[in-house]
Amino acid sequence: MLSWIFWPMTITVLTVTLLPLTNGVVWWVRIWDFPRLHIAILALTLLVACLPFAISFKPLLCVLLG
């Protein structure tokens, strides 16, 4: 039901979390080094918000957000 909301948001959070770990030196890669706390709070909020809903592949979603 709500998979079309939670999965794209999870993929986005995962992407901006892993992007600074690359060796890219362009600004749009390096800018994600700074809002780490904000990204972590967003991931935690998504994790808590998805728990009461029936979402396809929920265990995988929870692991990715964790």
PDB file of N, CA and C in Angstrom:
ATOM      1  N   MET A   1       0.817  -1.183   0.000  1.00  0.00           N
ATOM      2  CA  MET A   1       0.000   0.000   0.000  1.00  0.00           C
ATOM      3  C   MET A   1       0.869   1.258   0.000  1.00  0.00           C
ATOM      4  N   LEU A   2       1.718   1.411   0.976  1.00  0.00           N
ATOM      5  CA  LEU A   2       2.571   2.590   1.062  1.00  0.00           C
ATOM      6  C   LEU A   2       3.986   2.334   0.558  1.00  0.00           C
ATOM      7  N   SER A   3       4.185   1.232  -0.136  1.00  0.00           N
ATOM      8  CA  SER A   3       5.522   0.911  -0.632  1.00  0.00           C
ATOM      9  C   SER A   3       6.033   1.973  -1.596  1.00  0.00           C
ATOM     10  N   TRP A   4       5.154   2.576  -2.347  1.00  0.00           N
ATOM     11  CA  TRP A   4       5.579   3.571  -3.325  1.00  0.00           C
ATOM     12  C   TRP A   4       6.039   4.870  -2.661  1.00  0.00           C
ATOM     13  N   ILE A   5       5.796   5.024  -1.370  1.00  0.00           N
ATOM     14  CA  ILE A   5       6.295   6.184  -0.635  1.00  0.00           C
ATOM     15  C   ILE A   5       7.592   5.841   0.092  1.00  0.00           C
ATOM     16  N   PHE A   6       7.607   4.721   0.793  1.00  0.00           N
ATOM     17  CA  PHE A   6       8.754   4.378   1.637  1.00  0.00           C
ATOM     18  C   PHE A   6       9.981   3.928   0.845  1.00  0.00           C
ATOM     19  N   TRP A   7       9.794   3.147  -0.214  1.00  0.00           N
ATOM     20  CA  TRP A   7      10.948   2.647  -0.956  1.00  0.00           C
ATOM     21  C   TRP A   7      11.745   3.741  -1.650  1.00  0.00           C
ATOM     22  N   PRO A   8      11.112   4.687  -2.359  1.00  0.00           N
ATOM     23  CA  PRO A   8      11.938   5.762  -2.954  1.00  0.00           C
ATOM     24  C   PRO A   8      12.650   6.623  -1.911  1.00  0.00           C
ATOM     25  N   MET A   9      11.988   6.864  -0.793  1.00  0.00           N
ATOM     26  CA  MET A   9      12.643   7.649   0.260  1.00  0.00           C
ATOM     27  C   MET A   9      13.815   6.886   0.856  1.00  0.00           C
ATOM     28  N   THR A  10      13.676   5.584   1.011  1.00  0.00           N
ATOM     29  CA  THR A  10      14.768   4.762   1.529  1.00  0.00           C
ATOM     30  C   THR A  10      15.940   4.733   0.562  1.00  0.00           C
ATOM     31  N   ILE A  11      15.662   4.591  -0.720  1.00  0.00           N
ATOM     32  CA  ILE A  11      16.724   4.588  -1.726  1.00  0.00           C
ATOM     33  C   ILE A  11      17.450   5.933  -1.735  1.00  0.00           C
ATOM     34  N   THR A  12      16.716   7.016  -1.579  1.00  0.00           N
ATOM     35  CA  THR A  12      17.330   8.339  -1.541  1.00  0.00           C
ATOM     36  C   THR A  12      18.225   8.499  -0.318  1.00  0.00           C
ATOM     37  N   VAL A  13      17.734   8.095   0.848  1.00  0.00           N
ATOM     38  CA  VAL A  13      18.542   8.182   2.070  1.00  0.00           C
ATOM     39  C   VAL A  13      19.789   7.304   1.947  1.00  0.00           C
ATOM     40  N   LEU A  14      19.643   6.124   1.403  1.00  0.00           N
ATOM     41  CA  LEU A  14      20.786   5.230   1.232  1.00  0.00           C
ATOM     42  C   LEU A  14      21.801   5.819   0.256  1.00  0.00           C
ATOM     43  N   THR A  15      21.327   6.429  -0.811  1.00  0.00           N
ATOM     44  CA  THR A  15      22.225   7.026  -1.798  1.00  0.00           C
ATOM     45  C   THR A  15      23.013   8.184  -1.213  1.00  0.00           C
ATOM     46  N   VAL A  16      22.333   9.098  -0.514  1.00  0.00           N
ATOM     47  CA  VAL A  16      23.065  10.244   0.035  1.00  0.00           C
ATOM     48  C   VAL A  16      23.940   9.845   1.221  1.00  0.00           C
ATOM     49  N   THR A  17      23.686   8.686   1.794  1.00  0.00           N
ATOM     50  CA  THR A  17      24.567   8.181   2.849  1.00  0.00           C
ATOM     51  C   THR A  17      25.838   7.579   2.258  1.00  0.00           C
ATOM     52  N   LEU A  18      25.710   6.847   1.168  1.00  0.00           N
ATOM     53  CA  LEU A  18      26.860   6.155   0.584  1.00  0.00           C
ATOM     54  C   LEU A  18      27.657   7.000  -0.402  1.00  0.00           C
ATOM     55  N   LEU A  19      27.062   8.053  -0.933  1.00  0.00           N
ATOM     56  CA  LEU A  19      27.738   8.872  -1.938  1.00  0.00           C
ATOM     57  C   LEU A  19      29.041   9.496  -1.444  1.00  0.00           C
ATOM     58  N   PRO A  20      29.126  10.032  -0.212  1.00  0.00           N
ATOM     59  CA  PRO A  20      30.403  10.602   0.233  1.00  0.00           C
ATOM     60  C   PRO A  20      31.512   9.568   0.436  1.00  0.00           C
ATOM     61  N   LEU A  21      31.177   8.307   0.470  1.00  0.00           N
ATOM     62  CA  LEU A  21      32.198   7.277   0.654  1.00  0.00           C
ATOM     63  C   LEU A  21      32.971   6.989  -0.630  1.00  0.00           C
ATOM     64  N   THR A  22      32.510   7.564  -1.746  1.00  0.00           N
ATOM     65  CA  THR A  22      33.232   7.401  -3.001  1.00  0.00           C
ATOM     66  C   THR A  22      34.396   8.383  -3.039  1.00  0.00           C
ATOM     67  N   ASN A  23      35.210   8.275  -4.051  1.00  0.00           N
ATOM     68  CA  ASN A  23      36.363   9.167  -4.180  1.00  0.00           C
ATOM     69  C   ASN A  23      36.052  10.387  -5.031  1.00  0.00           C
ATOM     70  N   GLY A  24      34.777  10.679  -5.240  1.00  0.00           N
ATOM     71  CA  GLY A  24      34.412  11.831  -6.049  1.00  0.00           C
ATOM     72  C   GLY A  24      34.791  13.137  -5.367  1.00  0.00           C
ATOM     73  N   VAL A  25      35.256  14.090  -6.146  1.00  0.00           N
ATOM     74  CA  VAL A  25      35.675  15.375  -5.579  1.00  0.00           C
ATOM     75  C   VAL A  25      34.788  16.523  -6.046  1.00  0.00           C
ATOM     76  N   VAL A  26      33.738  16.221  -6.775  1.00  0.00           N
ATOM     77  CA  VAL A  26      32.847  17.290  -7.217  1.00  0.00           C
ATOM     78  C   VAL A  26      31.946  17.713  -6.068  1.00  0.00           C
ATOM     79  N   TRP A  27      31.445  18.935  -6.119  1.00  0.00           N
ATOM     80  CA  TRP A  27      30.725  19.513  -4.984  1.00  0.00           C
ATOM     81  C   TRP A  27      29.461  18.759  -4.638  1.00  0.00           C
ATOM     82  N   TRP A  28      28.734  18.228  -5.641  1.00  0.00           N
ATOM     83  CA  TRP A  28      27.467  17.577  -5.340  1.00  0.00           C
ATOM     84  C   TRP A  28      27.664  16.210  -4.691  1.00  0.00           C
ATOM     85  N   VAL A  29      28.875  15.698  -4.677  1.00  0.00           N
ATOM     86  CA  VAL A  29      29.190  14.483  -3.928  1.00  0.00           C
ATOM     87  C   VAL A  29      29.670  14.853  -2.532  1.00  0.00           C
ATOM     88  N   ARG A  30      30.546  15.840  -2.451  1.00  0.00           N
ATOM     89  CA  ARG A  30      31.130  16.225  -1.167  1.00  0.00           C
ATOM     90  C   ARG A  30      30.143  16.924  -0.251  1.00  0.00           C
ATOM     91  N   ILE A  31      29.085  17.504  -0.795  1.00  0.00           N
ATOM     92  CA  ILE A  31      28.134  18.240   0.043  1.00  0.00           C
ATOM     93  C   ILE A  31      27.408  17.314   1.021  1.00  0.00           C
ATOM     94  N   TRP A  32      27.323  16.034   0.714  1.00  0.00           N
ATOM     95  CA  TRP A  32      26.620  15.093   1.597  1.00  0.00           C
ATOM     96  C   TRP A  32      27.463  14.664   2.782  1.00  0.00           C
ATOM     97  N   ASP A  33      28.705  15.173   2.908  1.00  0.00           N
ATOM     98  CA  ASP A  33      29.515  14.919   4.098  1.00  0.00           C
ATOM     99  C   ASP A  33      28.977  15.649   5.323  1.00  0.00           C
ATOM    100  N   PHE A  34      28.360  16.773   5.114  1.00  0.00           N
ATOM    101  CA  PHE A  34      28.031  17.657   6.229  1.00  0.00           C
ATOM    102  C   PHE A  34      26.699  17.374   6.926  1.00  0.00           C
ATOM    103  N   PRO A  35      25.613  17.046   6.244  1.00  0.00           N
ATOM    104  CA  PRO A  35      24.346  16.842   6.971  1.00  0.00           C
ATOM    105  C   PRO A  35      24.167  15.413   7.481  1.00  0.00           C
ATOM    106  N   ARG A  36      25.206  14.803   8.002  1.00  0.00           N
ATOM    107  CA  ARG A  36      25.125  13.409   8.478  1.00  0.00           C
ATOM    108  C   ARG A  36      24.063  13.216   9.554  1.00  0.00           C
ATOM    109  N   LEU A  37      24.006  14.122  10.510  1.00  0.00           N
ATOM    110  CA  LEU A  37      23.030  14.011  11.590  1.00  0.00           C
ATOM    111  C   LEU A  37      21.613  14.123  11.038  1.00  0.00           C
ATOM    112  N   HIS A  38      21.398  15.005  10.108  1.00  0.00           N
ATOM    113  CA  HIS A  38      20.076  15.185   9.522  1.00  0.00           C
ATOM    114  C   HIS A  38      19.642  13.953   8.738  1.00  0.00           C
ATOM    115  N   ILE A  39      20.564  13.363   8.019  1.00  0.00           N
ATOM    116  CA  ILE A  39      20.259  12.152   7.256  1.00  0.00           C
ATOM    117  C   ILE A  39      19.958  11.000   8.206  1.00  0.00           C
ATOM    118  N   ALA A  40      20.694  10.901   9.301  1.00  0.00           N
ATOM    119  CA  ALA A  40      20.452   9.843  10.290  1.00  0.00           C
ATOM    120  C   ALA A  40      19.086  10.010  10.953  1.00  0.00           C
ATOM    121  N   ILE A  41      18.712  11.247  11.254  1.00  0.00           N
ATOM    122  CA  ILE A  41      17.394  11.494  11.852  1.00  0.00           C
ATOM    123  C   ILE A  41      16.292  11.150  10.860  1.00  0.00           C
ATOM    124  N   LEU A  42      16.487  11.484   9.582  1.00  0.00           N
ATOM    125  CA  LEU A  42      15.505  11.136   8.560  1.00  0.00           C
ATOM    126  C   LEU A  42      15.380   9.624   8.414  1.00  0.00           C
ATOM    127  N   ALA A  43      16.490   8.911   8.443  1.00  0.00           N
ATOM    128  CA  ALA A  43      16.452   7.453   8.341  1.00  0.00           C
ATOM    129  C   ALA A  43      15.746   6.838   9.547  1.00  0.00           C
ATOM    130  N   LEU A  44      16.002   7.342  10.727  1.00  0.00           N
ATOM    131  CA  LEU A  44      15.333   6.841  11.925  1.00  0.00           C
ATOM    132  C   LEU A  44      13.831   7.132  11.878  1.00  0.00           C
ATOM    133  N   THR A  45      13.469   8.310  11.413  1.00  0.00           N
ATOM    134  CA  THR A  45      12.056   8.667  11.285  1.00  0.00           C
ATOM    135  C   THR A  45      11.353   7.757  10.280  1.00  0.00           C
ATOM    136  N   LEU A  46      12.000   7.493   9.157  1.00  0.00           N
ATOM    137  CA  LEU A  46      11.430   6.572   8.170  1.00  0.00           C
ATOM    138  C   LEU A  46      11.281   5.168   8.736  1.00  0.00           C
ATOM    139  N   LEU A  47      12.272   4.731   9.494  1.00  0.00           N
ATOM    140  CA  LEU A  47      12.225   3.403  10.095  1.00  0.00           C
ATOM    141  C   LEU A  47      11.057   3.275  11.057  1.00  0.00           C
ATOM    142  N   VAL A  48      10.893   4.244  11.921  1.00  0.00           N
ATOM    143  CA  VAL A  48       9.791   4.215  12.889  1.00  0.00           C
ATOM    144  C   VAL A  48       8.447   4.341  12.182  1.00  0.00           C
ATOM    145  N   ALA A  49       8.386   5.164  11.135  1.00  0.00           N
ATOM    146  CA  ALA A  49       7.128   5.379  10.425  1.00  0.00           C
ATOM    147  C   ALA A  49       6.687   4.157   9.633  1.00  0.00           C
ATOM    148  N   CYS A  50       7.618   3.353   9.160  1.00  0.00           N
ATOM    149  CA  CYS A  50       7.232   2.205   8.333  1.00  0.00           C
ATOM    150  C   CYS A  50       6.838   0.979   9.159  1.00  0.00           C
ATOM    151  N   LEU A  51       7.151   0.952  10.433  1.00  0.00           N
ATOM    152  CA  LEU A  51       6.877  -0.238  11.237  1.00  0.00           C
ATOM    153  C   LEU A  51       5.398  -0.619  11.335  1.00  0.00           C
ATOM    154  N   PRO A  52       4.465   0.317  11.540  1.00  0.00           N
ATOM    155  CA  PRO A  52       3.076  -0.128  11.695  1.00  0.00           C
ATOM    156  C   PRO A  52       2.365  -0.465  10.386  1.00  0.00           C
ATOM    157  N   PHE A  53       2.986  -0.239   9.243  1.00  0.00           N
ATOM    158  CA  PHE A  53       2.323  -0.465   7.958  1.00  0.00           C
ATOM    159  C   PHE A  53       2.761  -1.773   7.325  1.00  0.00           C
ATOM    160  N   ALA A  54       1.889  -2.303   6.487  1.00  0.00           N
ATOM    161  CA  ALA A  54       2.216  -3.504   5.719  1.00  0.00           C
ATOM    162  C   ALA A  54       2.911  -3.061   4.443  1.00  0.00           C
ATOM    163  N   ILE A  55       4.210  -3.271   4.380  1.00  0.00           N
ATOM    164  CA  ILE A  55       5.021  -2.833   3.250  1.00  0.00           C
ATOM    165  C   ILE A  55       5.715  -4.060   2.674  1.00  0.00           C
ATOM    166  N   SER A  56       5.783  -4.118   1.341  1.00  0.00           N
ATOM    167  CA  SER A  56       6.456  -5.252   0.727  1.00  0.00           C
ATOM    168  C   SER A  56       7.949  -5.209   1.054  1.00  0.00           C
ATOM    169  N   PHE A  57       8.496  -6.356   1.374  1.00  0.00           N
ATOM    170  CA  PHE A  57       9.900  -6.523   1.738  1.00  0.00           C
ATOM    171  C   PHE A  57      10.286  -5.639   2.931  1.00  0.00           C
ATOM    172  N   LYS A  58       9.446  -5.618   3.945  1.00  0.00           N
ATOM    173  CA  LYS A  58       9.690  -4.774   5.125  1.00  0.00           C
ATOM    174  C   LYS A  58      11.000  -5.101   5.841  1.00  0.00           C
ATOM    175  N   PRO A  59      11.384  -6.370   6.005  1.00  0.00           N
ATOM    176  CA  PRO A  59      12.670  -6.633   6.672  1.00  0.00           C
ATOM    177  C   PRO A  59      13.861  -6.022   5.935  1.00  0.00           C
ATOM    178  N   LEU A  60      13.837  -6.099   4.609  1.00  0.00           N
ATOM    179  CA  LEU A  60      14.922  -5.505   3.822  1.00  0.00           C
ATOM    180  C   LEU A  60      14.924  -3.990   3.982  1.00  0.00           C
ATOM    181  N   LEU A  61      13.759  -3.394   3.978  1.00  0.00           N
ATOM    182  CA  LEU A  61      13.641  -1.951   4.154  1.00  0.00           C
ATOM    183  C   LEU A  61      14.198  -1.532   5.513  1.00  0.00           C
ATOM    184  N   CYS A  62      13.867  -2.287   6.553  1.00  0.00           N
ATOM    185  CA  CYS A  62      14.353  -1.958   7.903  1.00  0.00           C
ATOM    186  C   CYS A  62      15.865  -2.119   8.006  1.00  0.00           C
ATOM    187  N   VAL A  63      16.405  -3.124   7.375  1.00  0.00           N
ATOM    188  CA  VAL A  63      17.863  -3.324   7.394  1.00  0.00           C
ATOM    189  C   VAL A  63      18.565  -2.188   6.667  1.00  0.00           C
ATOM    190  N   LEU A  64      18.050  -1.778   5.526  1.00  0.00           N
ATOM    191  CA  LEU A  64      18.664  -0.682   4.776  1.00  0.00           C
ATOM    192  C   LEU A  64      18.605   0.634   5.554  1.00  0.00           C
ATOM    193  N   LEU A  65      17.518   0.870   6.232  1.00  0.00           N
ATOM    194  CA  LEU A  65      17.412   2.104   7.015  1.00  0.00           C
ATOM    195  C   LEU A  65      18.237   2.046   8.290  1.00  0.00           C
ATOM    196  N   GLY A  66      18.463   0.855   8.800  1.00  0.00           N
ATOM    197  CA  GLY A  66      19.266   0.712  10.014  1.00  0.00           C
ATOM    198  C   GLY A  66      20.711   0.949   9.752  1.00  0.00           C
TER     199      GLY A  66
END
